């Protein structure tokens, strides 16, 4: 996916400009974005402040870390199950 040339805090500040009463078209022209981009940003970041944005980024980072941990444990669990099914040791009665 193409990286935006605007950071999340810049996007939030652009959205705040429109919320403060300015028209959408002049703000989009000023920043060099399309109105479609503005509305995409509004659906994603609308109503968020800088502190909320920081918290969301922290939660996303934590979520990805937990997903990696779960994947590692699932692989390890499958390997242990395979090992136990093979029963490399045998009982001699």
Protein backbone atom coordinates (compact mmCIF):
# COMPACT_ATOMS: atom_id res chain seq x y z
CA UNK A 1 0.00 0.00 0.00
CA UNK A 2 1.27 3.46 -0.86
CA UNK A 3 2.45 5.50 2.10
CA UNK A 4 0.66 8.79 2.57
CA UNK A 5 2.71 11.94 2.37
CA UNK A 6 0.77 13.21 5.38
CA UNK A 7 1.23 11.94 8.92
CA UNK A 8 -1.77 11.06 11.03
CA UNK A 9 -1.41 14.23 13.07
CA UNK A 10 -1.36 16.32 9.88
CA UNK A 11 -4.48 14.52 8.66
CA UNK A 12 -6.26 15.23 11.94
CA UNK A 13 -5.28 18.91 11.71
CA UNK A 14 -6.66 19.11 8.15
CA UNK A 15 -9.92 17.59 9.36
CA UNK A 16 -10.02 20.09 12.24
CA UNK A 17 -9.74 22.96 9.75
CA UNK A 18 -12.98 21.88 8.09
CA UNK A 19 -14.63 21.26 11.46
CA UNK A 20 -13.75 24.81 12.48
CA UNK A 21 -16.00 26.16 9.74
CA UNK A 22 -13.93 26.34 6.56
CA UNK A 23 -15.30 24.91 3.32
CA UNK A 24 -14.06 21.53 2.14
CA UNK A 25 -12.98 22.54 -1.38
CA UNK A 26 -10.61 25.37 -0.38
CA UNK A 27 -9.01 23.27 2.34
CA UNK A 28 -8.48 20.38 -0.09
CA UNK A 29 -6.94 22.74 -2.66
CA UNK A 30 -4.70 24.31 -0.03
CA UNK A 31 -3.28 20.95 1.01
CA UNK A 32 -3.29 19.37 -2.46
CA UNK A 33 -5.71 16.53 -1.77
CA UNK A 34 -8.92 15.44 -3.48
CA UNK A 35 -12.31 15.61 -1.83
CA UNK A 36 -12.45 11.82 -2.02
CA UNK A 37 -9.27 11.62 0.02
CA UNK A 38 -10.75 14.07 2.52
CA UNK A 39 -13.86 11.91 2.96
CA UNK A 40 -11.76 8.73 3.28
CA UNK A 41 -9.72 10.41 5.99
CA UNK A 42 -12.87 11.68 7.66
CA UNK A 43 -14.31 8.17 7.83
CA UNK A 44 -11.08 6.82 9.29
CA UNK A 45 -9.93 9.67 11.57
CA UNK A 46 -13.10 11.74 12.02
CA UNK A 47 -13.68 13.01 15.54
CA UNK A 48 -10.25 11.89 16.76
CA UNK A 49 -7.86 14.07 18.65
CA UNK A 50 -4.10 13.75 18.79
CA UNK A 51 -4.18 11.87 22.11
CA UNK A 52 -6.83 9.45 20.84
CA UNK A 53 -4.79 8.87 17.69
CA UNK A 54 -1.73 8.06 19.79
CA UNK A 55 -3.75 5.61 21.89
CA UNK A 56 -5.12 3.89 18.75
CA UNK A 57 -1.59 3.48 17.38
CA UNK A 58 -0.46 1.96 20.69
CA UNK A 59 -3.37 -0.46 20.67
CA UNK A 60 -2.67 -1.47 17.07
CA UNK A 61 0.99 -2.13 17.94
CA UNK A 62 0.00 -4.19 20.97
CA UNK A 63 -2.57 -6.09 18.91
CA UNK A 64 -0.02 -7.01 16.24
CA UNK A 65 2.44 -8.13 18.95
CA UNK A 66 -0.22 -10.36 20.51
CA UNK A 67 -1.12 -11.83 17.12
CA UNK A 68 2.53 -12.73 16.50
CA UNK A 69 2.77 -14.31 19.95
CA UNK A 70 -0.38 -16.34 19.29
CA UNK A 71 0.92 -17.52 15.90
CA UNK A 72 4.22 -18.62 17.47
CA UNK A 73 2.42 -20.52 20.23
CA UNK A 74 0.05 -22.16 17.74
CA UNK A 75 2.99 -23.39 15.64
CA UNK A 76 4.74 -24.66 18.76
CA UNK A 77 1.55 -26.39 19.92
CA UNK A 78 1.14 -28.14 16.54
CA UNK A 79 4.76 -29.30 16.64
CA UNK A 80 4.30 -30.74 20.13
CA UNK A 81 1.10 -32.54 19.07
CA UNK A 82 2.87 -34.04 16.06
CA UNK A 83 5.74 -35.16 18.25
CA UNK A 84 3.41 -36.78 20.78
CA UNK A 85 1.43 -38.58 18.06
CA UNK A 86 4.59 -40.22 16.69
CA UNK A 87 5.46 -41.60 20.14
CA UNK A 88 9.20 -41.95 19.68
CA UNK A 89 9.40 -43.93 22.86
CA UNK A 90 7.81 -47.33 23.08
CA UNK A 91 6.75 -49.31 26.08
CA UNK A 92 8.08 -52.79 26.31
CA UNK A 93 6.01 -54.97 28.48
